[in-house]
Amino acid sequence: MSKPEGFGNEPDELSDDGDLTDMLGELRVLLPTAQLLSAFLITVPFTPGFSAIAYTEKWVFLATFVLAVVGLVLLSAPAVQHRLIRPLLDRPRFKSLASRQILAGAVALASALVSGAQLVLSTIFGHVVGSLAAALVAGLIFLLWWWLPRRWKQAGKL
């Protein structure tokens, strides 16, 4: 049974030891976003106006908070695992597992960013504006994080 494309089964990726360093370096970009969003969300319930938001918006907050924390845990897992497992005995397997965790963390983070945009803007401007903004954020993330890189890969660019 072969692994899905993009999960460490390409020969160049398996032989490229630098790829693991690159992958852990990429986490340095995603982790601060997840940390900042989680830290912001931790403070929200303690603000004076939180009790006044609609009941449904509190559920959106809960979903956003859980997604942000899950994203933070998934994105930090490869670095912690790398430190605990050293020396790596099966580098290709670790890269495959870490890639899956990073992608799952990116999905959780993207979902938290979308629901966070909806929560904040719905509270300020109403549900319609919040939902439109969330849709725009979702579209932007889909375009830049998923569609464009796959398109470039298919076209043999980059």
C-alpha atoms as a PDB file:
ATOM      1  CA  MET A   1       0.000   0.000   0.000  1.00  0.00           C
ATOM      2  CA  SER A   2       1.547   3.265  -1.071  1.00  0.00           C
ATOM      3  CA  LYS A   3       1.380   6.511   0.813  1.00  0.00           C
ATOM      4  CA  PRO A   4      -0.617   9.430  -0.594  1.00  0.00           C
ATOM      5  CA  GLU A   5       1.330  11.895  -2.698  1.00  0.00           C
ATOM      6  CA  GLY A   6       2.910  14.652  -0.631  1.00  0.00           C
ATOM      7  CA  PHE A   7       3.481  12.535   2.479  1.00  0.00           C
ATOM      8  CA  GLY A   8       7.140  11.702   2.147  1.00  0.00           C
ATOM      9  CA  ASN A   9       7.025   9.054  -0.562  1.00  0.00           C
ATOM     10  CA  GLU A  10       8.942  10.993  -3.217  1.00  0.00           C
ATOM     11  CA  PRO A  11      12.523   9.673  -3.593  1.00  0.00           C
ATOM     12  CA  ASP A  12      14.085  13.143  -3.426  1.00  0.00           C
ATOM     13  CA  GLU A  13      12.309  13.900  -0.148  1.00  0.00           C
ATOM     14  CA  LEU A  14      13.361  10.633   1.450  1.00  0.00           C
ATOM     15  CA  SER A  15      17.026  11.141   0.685  1.00  0.00           C
ATOM     16  CA  ASP A  16      17.095  14.849   1.562  1.00  0.00           C
ATOM     17  CA  ASP A  17      18.143  15.148   5.211  1.00  0.00           C
ATOM     18  CA  GLY A  18      17.807  18.908   4.960  1.00  0.00           C
ATOM     19  CA  ASP A  19      14.088  18.497   4.445  1.00  0.00           C
ATOM     20  CA  LEU A  20      13.597  17.650   8.118  1.00  0.00           C
ATOM     21  CA  THR A  21      15.390  20.839   9.133  1.00  0.00           C
ATOM     22  CA  ASP A  22      13.315  22.783   6.607  1.00  0.00           C
ATOM     23  CA  MET A  23      10.115  21.249   7.945  1.00  0.00           C
ATOM     24  CA  LEU A  24      10.958  22.105  11.541  1.00  0.00           C
ATOM     25  CA  GLY A  25      11.871  25.605  10.354  1.00  0.00           C
ATOM     26  CA  GLU A  26       8.443  25.962   8.743  1.00  0.00           C
ATOM     27  CA  LEU A  27       6.932  25.369  12.156  1.00  0.00           C
ATOM     28  CA  ARG A  28       8.636  28.544  13.325  1.00  0.00           C
ATOM     29  CA  VAL A  29       6.262  30.412  11.017  1.00  0.00           C
ATOM     30  CA  LEU A  30       3.035  28.625  11.982  1.00  0.00           C
ATOM     31  CA  LEU A  31       3.619  28.251  15.720  1.00  0.00           C
ATOM     32  CA  PRO A  32       3.623  31.966  16.621  1.00  0.00           C
ATOM     33  CA  THR A  33       0.264  32.399  14.865  1.00  0.00           C
ATOM     34  CA  ALA A  34      -1.248  29.512  16.817  1.00  0.00           C
ATOM     35  CA  GLN A  35       0.312  30.780  20.055  1.00  0.00           C
ATOM     36  CA  LEU A  36      -0.910  34.334  19.546  1.00  0.00           C
ATOM     37  CA  LEU A  37      -4.442  33.245  18.655  1.00  0.00           C
ATOM     38  CA  SER A  38      -4.602  30.882  21.647  1.00  0.00           C
ATOM     39  CA  ALA A  39      -3.285  33.561  24.007  1.00  0.00           C
ATOM     40  CA  PHE A  40      -5.814  36.079  22.724  1.00  0.00           C
ATOM     41  CA  LEU A  41      -8.675  33.612  23.099  1.00  0.00           C
ATOM     42  CA  ILE A  42      -7.654  32.738  26.667  1.00  0.00           C
ATOM     43  CA  THR A  43      -8.218  36.373  27.671  1.00  0.00           C
ATOM     44  CA  VAL A  44     -11.577  36.869  25.907  1.00  0.00           C
ATOM     45  CA  PRO A  45     -13.887  35.303  28.553  1.00  0.00           C
ATOM     46  CA  PHE A  46     -12.396  37.578  31.181  1.00  0.00           C
ATOM     47  CA  THR A  47     -13.307  40.775  29.351  1.00  0.00           C
ATOM     48  CA  PRO A  48     -16.318  42.708  30.634  1.00  0.00           C
ATOM     49  CA  GLY A  49     -18.408  42.335  27.464  1.00  0.00           C
ATOM     50  CA  PHE A  50     -18.047  38.582  27.032  1.00  0.00           C
ATOM     51  CA  SER A  51     -21.104  37.751  29.119  1.00  0.00           C
ATOM     52  CA  ALA A  52     -23.221  39.988  26.859  1.00  0.00           C
ATOM     53  CA  ILE A  53     -22.482  38.142  23.593  1.00  0.00           C
ATOM     54  CA  ALA A  54     -25.172  35.885  22.174  1.00  0.00           C
ATOM     55  CA  TYR A  55     -25.356  32.280  23.328  1.00  0.00           C
ATOM     56  CA  THR A  56     -24.608  30.995  19.823  1.00  0.00           C
ATOM     57  CA  GLU A  57     -21.513  33.201  19.649  1.00  0.00           C
ATOM     58  CA  LYS A  58     -20.272  31.571  22.846  1.00  0.00           C
ATOM     59  CA  TRP A  59     -20.396  28.247  21.000  1.00  0.00           C
ATOM     60  CA  VAL A  60     -18.434  29.798  18.149  1.00  0.00           C
ATOM     61  CA  PHE A  61     -15.920  30.978  20.746  1.00  0.00           C
ATOM     62  CA  LEU A  62     -15.693  27.458  22.183  1.00  0.00           C
ATOM     63  CA  ALA A  63     -15.088  25.953  18.731  1.00  0.00           C
ATOM     64  CA  THR A  64     -12.493  28.630  17.925  1.00  0.00           C
ATOM     65  CA  PHE A  65     -10.675  28.117  21.216  1.00  0.00           C
ATOM     66  CA  VAL A  66     -10.600  24.320  20.898  1.00  0.00           C
ATOM     67  CA  LEU A  67      -9.423  24.520  17.261  1.00  0.00           C
ATOM     68  CA  ALA A  68      -6.663  26.979  18.194  1.00  0.00           C
ATOM     69  CA  VAL A  69      -5.424  24.774  21.040  1.00  0.00           C
ATOM     70  CA  VAL A  70      -5.590  21.621  18.889  1.00  0.00           C
ATOM     71  CA  GLY A  71      -3.670  23.453  16.158  1.00  0.00           C
ATOM     72  CA  LEU A  72      -1.051  24.576  18.662  1.00  0.00           C
ATOM     73  CA  VAL A  73      -0.620  21.038  20.016  1.00  0.00           C
ATOM     74  CA  LEU A  74      -0.379  19.477  16.537  1.00  0.00           C
ATOM     75  CA  LEU A  75       2.044  22.103  15.247  1.00  0.00           C
ATOM     76  CA  SER A  76       4.336  21.828  18.259  1.00  0.00           C
ATOM     77  CA  ALA A  77       4.265  18.006  18.370  1.00  0.00           C
ATOM     78  CA  PRO A  78       6.952  17.371  15.690  1.00  0.00           C
ATOM     79  CA  ALA A  79       9.507  19.604  17.429  1.00  0.00           C
ATOM     80  CA  VAL A  80       8.873  18.001  20.826  1.00  0.00           C
ATOM     81  CA  GLN A  81       8.886  14.505  19.329  1.00  0.00           C
ATOM     82  CA  HIS A  82      12.099  15.252  17.440  1.00  0.00           C
ATOM     83  CA  ARG A  83      13.766  16.324  20.666  1.00  0.00           C
ATOM     84  CA  LEU A  84      12.560  13.265  22.614  1.00  0.00           C
ATOM     85  CA  ILE A  85      13.320  10.641  19.955  1.00  0.00           C
ATOM     86  CA  ARG A  86      16.864  11.794  19.095  1.00  0.00           C
ATOM     87  CA  PRO A  87      18.742  10.252  17.477  1.00  0.00           C
ATOM     88  CA  LEU A  88      16.199   9.486  14.769  1.00  0.00           C
ATOM     89  CA  LEU A  89      16.477   5.875  13.673  1.00  0.00           C
ATOM     90  CA  ASP A  90      13.881   6.083  10.902  1.00  0.00           C
ATOM     91  CA  ARG A  91      14.124   9.580   9.445  1.00  0.00           C
ATOM     92  CA  PRO A  92      11.726   9.022   6.486  1.00  0.00           C
ATOM     93  CA  ARG A  93       9.014   7.633   8.784  1.00  0.00           C
ATOM     94  CA  PHE A  94       9.408  10.530  11.208  1.00  0.00           C
ATOM     95  CA  LYS A  95       9.187  13.068   8.361  1.00  0.00           C
ATOM     96  CA  SER A  96       6.012  11.404   7.129  1.00  0.00           C
ATOM     97  CA  LEU A  97       4.407  11.480  10.583  1.00  0.00           C
ATOM     98  CA  ALA A  98       5.534  15.059  11.217  1.00  0.00           C
ATOM     99  CA  SER A  99       4.156  16.165   7.835  1.00  0.00           C
ATOM    100  CA  ARG A 100       0.769  14.704   8.693  1.00  0.00           C
ATOM    101  CA  GLN A 101       0.764  16.424  12.082  1.00  0.00           C
ATOM    102  CA  ILE A 102       1.743  19.761  10.551  1.00  0.00           C
ATOM    103  CA  LEU A 103      -0.996  19.524   7.927  1.00  0.00           C
ATOM    104  CA  ALA A 104      -3.589  18.558  10.545  1.00  0.00           C
ATOM    105  CA  GLY A 105      -2.393  21.458  12.709  1.00  0.00           C
ATOM    106  CA  ALA A 106      -2.631  23.819   9.733  1.00  0.00           C
ATOM    107  CA  VAL A 107      -6.229  22.681   9.117  1.00  0.00           C
ATOM    108  CA  ALA A 108      -7.108  23.263  12.777  1.00  0.00           C
ATOM    109  CA  LEU A 109      -5.370  26.656  12.735  1.00  0.00           C
ATOM    110  CA  ALA A 110      -7.112  27.652   9.494  1.00  0.00           C
ATOM    111  CA  SER A 111     -10.478  26.668  10.963  1.00  0.00           C
ATOM    112  CA  ALA A 112      -9.733  28.661  14.123  1.00  0.00           C
ATOM    113  CA  LEU A 113      -8.775  31.719  12.050  1.00  0.00           C
ATOM    114  CA  VAL A 114     -12.016  31.492  10.073  1.00  0.00           C
ATOM    115  CA  SER A 115     -14.226  31.032  13.123  1.00  0.00           C
ATOM    116  CA  GLY A 116     -12.253  33.708  15.001  1.00  0.00           C
ATOM    117  CA  ALA A 117     -12.866  36.197  12.180  1.00  0.00           C
ATOM    118  CA  GLN A 118     -16.556  35.299  12.267  1.00  0.00           C
ATOM    119  CA  LEU A 119     -16.723  35.690  16.047  1.00  0.00           C
ATOM    120  CA  VAL A 120     -14.973  39.054  16.215  1.00  0.00           C
ATOM    121  CA  LEU A 121     -16.690  40.659  13.251  1.00  0.00           C
ATOM    122  CA  SER A 122     -20.135  39.289  14.132  1.00  0.00           C
ATOM    123  CA  THR A 123     -19.800  40.805  17.568  1.00  0.00           C
ATOM    124  CA  ILE A 124     -18.814  44.189  16.146  1.00  0.00           C
ATOM    125  CA  PHE A 125     -20.780  44.437  12.876  1.00  0.00           C
ATOM    126  CA  GLY A 126     -23.443  41.728  13.074  1.00  0.00           C
ATOM    127  CA  HIS A 127     -23.877  38.192  11.837  1.00  0.00           C
ATOM    128  CA  VAL A 128     -24.036  38.973   8.098  1.00  0.00           C
ATOM    129  CA  VAL A 129     -20.752  40.897   8.036  1.00  0.00           C
ATOM    130  CA  GLY A 130     -19.091  38.325  10.299  1.00  0.00           C
ATOM    131  CA  SER A 131     -20.163  35.464   8.069  1.00  0.00           C
ATOM    132  CA  LEU A 132     -19.030  37.265   4.909  1.00  0.00           C
ATOM    133  CA  ALA A 133     -15.651  38.037   6.449  1.00  0.00           C
ATOM    134  CA  ALA A 134     -15.269  34.434   7.601  1.00  0.00           C
ATOM    135  CA  ALA A 135     -16.054  33.234   4.075  1.00  0.00           C
ATOM    136  CA  LEU A 136     -13.439  35.610   2.661  1.00  0.00           C
ATOM    137  CA  VAL A 137     -10.816  34.436   5.154  1.00  0.00           C
ATOM    138  CA  ALA A 138     -11.675  30.802   4.362  1.00  0.00           C
ATOM    139  CA  GLY A 139     -11.365  31.495   0.641  1.00  0.00           C
ATOM    140  CA  LEU A 140      -8.033  33.257   1.071  1.00  0.00           C
ATOM    141  CA  ILE A 141      -6.617  30.425   3.182  1.00  0.00           C
ATOM    142  CA  PHE A 142      -7.865  27.822   0.714  1.00  0.00           C
ATOM    143  CA  LEU A 143      -6.401  29.743  -2.216  1.00  0.00           C
ATOM    144  CA  LEU A 144      -2.971  30.486  -0.708  1.00  0.00           C
ATOM    145  CA  TRP A 145      -2.416  27.456   1.520  1.00  0.00           C
ATOM    146  CA  TRP A 146      -3.936  24.648  -0.543  1.00  0.00           C
ATOM    147  CA  TRP A 147      -5.007  25.413  -4.112  1.00  0.00           C
ATOM    148  CA  LEU A 148      -2.066  27.543  -5.295  1.00  0.00           C
ATOM    149  CA  PRO A 149       0.709  25.190  -4.068  1.00  0.00           C
ATOM    150  CA  ARG A 150      -1.037  22.180  -5.611  1.00  0.00           C
ATOM    151  CA  ARG A 151      -1.512  24.087  -8.861  1.00  0.00           C
ATOM    152  CA  TRP A 152       2.187  25.008  -8.936  1.00  0.00           C
ATOM    153  CA  LYS A 153       3.168  21.411  -8.201  1.00  0.00           C
ATOM    154  CA  GLN A 154       0.927  20.078 -10.989  1.00  0.00           C
ATOM    155  CA  ALA A 155       2.301  22.620 -13.422  1.00  0.00           C
ATOM    156  CA  GLY A 156       5.887  21.721 -12.464  1.00  0.00           C
ATOM    157  CA  LYS A 157       6.587  25.242 -11.228  1.00  0.00           C
ATOM    158  CA  LEU A 158       8.706  25.923  -8.136  1.00  0.00           C
END
